């Protein structure tokens, strides 16, 4: 089944993002990510929202109710699906340029697809810079350069003891 909205030629994720961004702006939220995923026989449209203080259930409800109405009005998803709204969490994936740019100075962890010269694939450090799908991380006092295409994942580091 196609994941492209025939009316506008956009993917389901892109069309959902297009609808979600103005609503997020209106509510003082930041649209972190949109995913349209199949798990078993069920499709899920997952929208992840955030704000500086973090989101709570009230924020999710304030977004989900009007967004659900927009989804019904636009009716661009042909298959049945479950809509979920939530926080991207502490270990959020960094995928889009805006993710990297808003997390400069934060501790991240990443895994490369292939090991480096020392045989290492897993790294933790401070995100220092991002440009054109490449980024620098300070690891043990030294800057190391990575290309996003060479990474299997990049996430905020959630391994710190928060309590």
Protein backbone atom coordinates (compact mmCIF):
# COMPACT_ATOMS: atom_id res chain seq x y z
CA UNK A 1 0.00 0.00 0.00
CA UNK A 2 1.37 3.41 -0.92
CA UNK A 3 2.57 5.80 1.74
CA UNK A 4 2.06 8.79 -0.58
CA UNK A 5 -0.83 11.22 -0.39
CA UNK A 6 -2.09 11.32 -3.97
CA UNK A 7 -3.76 14.72 -3.58
CA UNK A 8 -0.52 16.58 -2.87
CA UNK A 9 2.16 14.03 -3.80
CA UNK A 10 3.46 14.08 -0.23
CA UNK A 11 4.22 11.09 1.95
CA UNK A 12 1.88 10.43 4.86
CA UNK A 13 4.59 11.64 7.25
CA UNK A 14 5.22 14.84 5.27
CA UNK A 15 1.50 15.62 5.02
CA UNK A 16 1.03 14.99 8.76
CA UNK A 17 4.02 17.26 9.49
CA UNK A 18 2.48 19.93 7.26
CA UNK A 19 -0.71 19.82 9.34
CA UNK A 20 1.00 19.54 12.73
CA UNK A 21 3.50 22.42 12.51
CA UNK A 22 0.97 25.30 12.57
CA UNK A 23 -0.93 23.66 15.43
CA UNK A 24 2.31 23.18 17.40
CA UNK A 25 3.22 26.82 16.78
CA UNK A 26 -0.21 27.93 18.01
CA UNK A 27 0.15 25.86 21.21
CA UNK A 28 3.75 26.88 21.92
CA UNK A 29 5.05 23.40 21.13
CA UNK A 30 7.86 22.09 18.96
CA UNK A 31 7.14 19.27 16.52
CA UNK A 32 9.97 16.81 17.15
CA UNK A 33 9.03 13.94 14.86
CA UNK A 34 6.24 12.22 12.93
CA UNK A 35 6.34 8.51 12.17
CA UNK A 36 3.96 6.30 10.21
CA UNK A 37 4.87 2.75 11.16
CA UNK A 38 3.39 -0.68 10.83
CA UNK A 39 3.60 -3.02 13.80
CA UNK A 40 2.08 -6.40 13.13
CA UNK A 41 -1.15 -5.77 11.25
CA UNK A 42 -1.66 -2.27 12.67
CA UNK A 43 -0.47 1.07 11.30
CA UNK A 44 0.46 3.83 13.77
CA UNK A 45 0.70 7.56 13.14
CA UNK A 46 2.94 8.78 15.95
CA UNK A 47 3.47 12.49 16.56
CA UNK A 48 6.15 13.54 19.04
CA UNK A 49 5.88 17.03 20.52
CA UNK A 50 8.12 18.96 22.90
CA UNK A 51 8.64 22.31 24.60
CA UNK A 52 11.43 23.78 26.71
CA UNK A 53 9.91 22.66 30.01
CA UNK A 54 9.00 19.23 28.62
CA UNK A 55 5.50 18.10 27.72
CA UNK A 56 2.88 16.57 29.97
CA UNK A 57 -0.45 14.85 29.42
CA UNK A 58 -2.26 18.21 29.16
CA UNK A 59 0.03 19.29 26.32
CA UNK A 60 -0.52 16.00 24.52
CA UNK A 61 -4.29 16.32 24.92
CA UNK A 62 -4.26 19.98 23.82
CA UNK A 63 -2.49 18.90 20.63
CA UNK A 64 -4.19 15.55 20.02
CA UNK A 65 -7.83 16.70 20.08
CA UNK A 66 -7.57 19.36 17.35
CA UNK A 67 -5.02 17.36 15.37
CA UNK A 68 -7.32 14.33 15.33
CA UNK A 69 -10.06 16.58 13.90
CA UNK A 70 -7.64 17.84 11.23
CA UNK A 71 -6.78 14.25 10.31
CA UNK A 72 -10.48 13.44 9.94
CA UNK A 73 -11.14 16.57 7.85
CA UNK A 74 -8.17 16.04 5.54
CA UNK A 75 -8.70 12.26 5.33
CA UNK A 76 -5.41 11.63 3.51
CA UNK A 77 -4.49 8.30 5.10
CA UNK A 78 -6.19 5.51 3.17
CA UNK A 79 -5.59 2.58 5.52
CA UNK A 80 -6.89 2.31 9.07
CA UNK A 81 -4.41 3.45 11.71
CA UNK A 82 -3.99 4.37 15.35
CA UNK A 83 -3.01 7.96 16.16
CA UNK A 84 -0.65 8.49 19.12
CA UNK A 85 0.80 11.70 20.51
CA UNK A 86 3.61 11.86 23.05
CA UNK A 87 6.98 13.17 24.15
CA UNK A 88 10.12 12.16 22.25
CA UNK A 89 11.58 11.08 25.60
CA UNK A 90 14.98 11.62 27.16
CA UNK A 91 16.83 9.40 24.69
CA UNK A 92 15.25 11.04 21.66
CA UNK A 93 16.64 10.30 18.23
CA UNK A 94 18.43 13.12 16.45
CA UNK A 95 17.58 12.86 12.76
CA UNK A 96 16.63 16.23 11.34
CA UNK A 97 18.88 19.31 11.12
CA UNK A 98 16.74 21.17 13.67
CA UNK A 99 17.23 18.29 16.16
CA UNK A 100 21.00 18.67 15.98
CA UNK A 101 20.93 22.45 16.04
CA UNK A 102 18.77 22.65 19.17
CA UNK A 103 20.94 20.06 20.96
CA UNK A 104 24.36 21.68 20.43
CA UNK A 105 26.08 21.60 23.82
CA UNK A 106 24.14 18.52 24.97
CA UNK A 107 25.60 15.10 25.63
CA UNK A 108 24.80 12.58 22.91
CA UNK A 109 25.56 8.97 22.16
CA UNK A 110 25.89 7.41 18.76
CA UNK A 111 26.73 4.18 17.01
CA UNK A 112 28.49 4.10 13.69
CA UNK A 113 27.69 1.53 11.02
CA UNK A 114 31.33 0.52 10.71
CA UNK A 115 33.99 0.56 13.43
CA UNK A 116 36.70 3.23 13.40
CA UNK A 117 40.45 2.50 13.22
CA UNK A 118 40.42 1.42 16.89
CA UNK A 119 37.49 -0.96 16.31
CA UNK A 120 35.01 1.28 18.17
CA UNK A 121 31.45 1.88 17.06
CA UNK A 122 29.85 3.39 20.17
CA UNK A 123 30.64 6.95 21.23
CA UNK A 124 29.47 9.45 23.85
CA UNK A 125 30.32 13.11 24.00
CA UNK A 126 29.17 16.70 23.68
CA UNK A 127 27.60 17.77 20.38
CA UNK A 128 29.67 20.74 19.25
CA UNK A 129 28.52 21.56 15.70
CA UNK A 130 26.24 20.43 12.88
CA UNK A 131 26.20 21.32 9.21
CA UNK A 132 25.13 19.55 6.01
CA UNK A 133 24.42 16.16 7.65
CA UNK A 134 27.81 16.14 9.39
CA UNK A 135 28.56 16.91 13.02
CA UNK A 136 31.36 17.25 15.55
CA UNK A 137 31.38 15.66 18.98
CA UNK A 138 33.81 16.41 21.78
CA UNK A 139 34.91 13.04 23.17
CA UNK A 140 37.41 13.02 26.05
CA UNK A 141 38.59 16.54 25.19
CA UNK A 142 39.04 15.91 21.45
CA UNK A 143 36.69 16.81 18.62
CA UNK A 144 35.67 13.90 16.41
CA UNK A 145 33.86 14.39 13.09
CA UNK A 146 30.96 12.17 11.97
CA UNK A 147 28.71 11.98 8.93
CA UNK A 148 25.07 11.21 9.70
CA UNK A 149 25.06 8.67 6.85
CA UNK A 150 27.75 6.68 8.69
CA UNK A 151 25.69 6.37 11.89
CA UNK A 152 23.10 3.75 12.71
CA UNK A 153 21.71 6.11 15.38
CA UNK A 154 22.39 9.38 17.18
CA UNK A 155 20.50 10.09 20.42
CA UNK A 156 20.53 12.38 23.38
CA UNK A 157 22.32 10.58 26.19
CA UNK A 158 19.77 9.42 28.76
CA UNK A 159 22.19 7.37 30.87
CA UNK A 160 22.71 10.10 33.46
CA UNK A 161 21.26 9.59 36.92
CA UNK A 162 18.41 12.10 36.92
CA UNK A 163 17.26 11.50 40.50
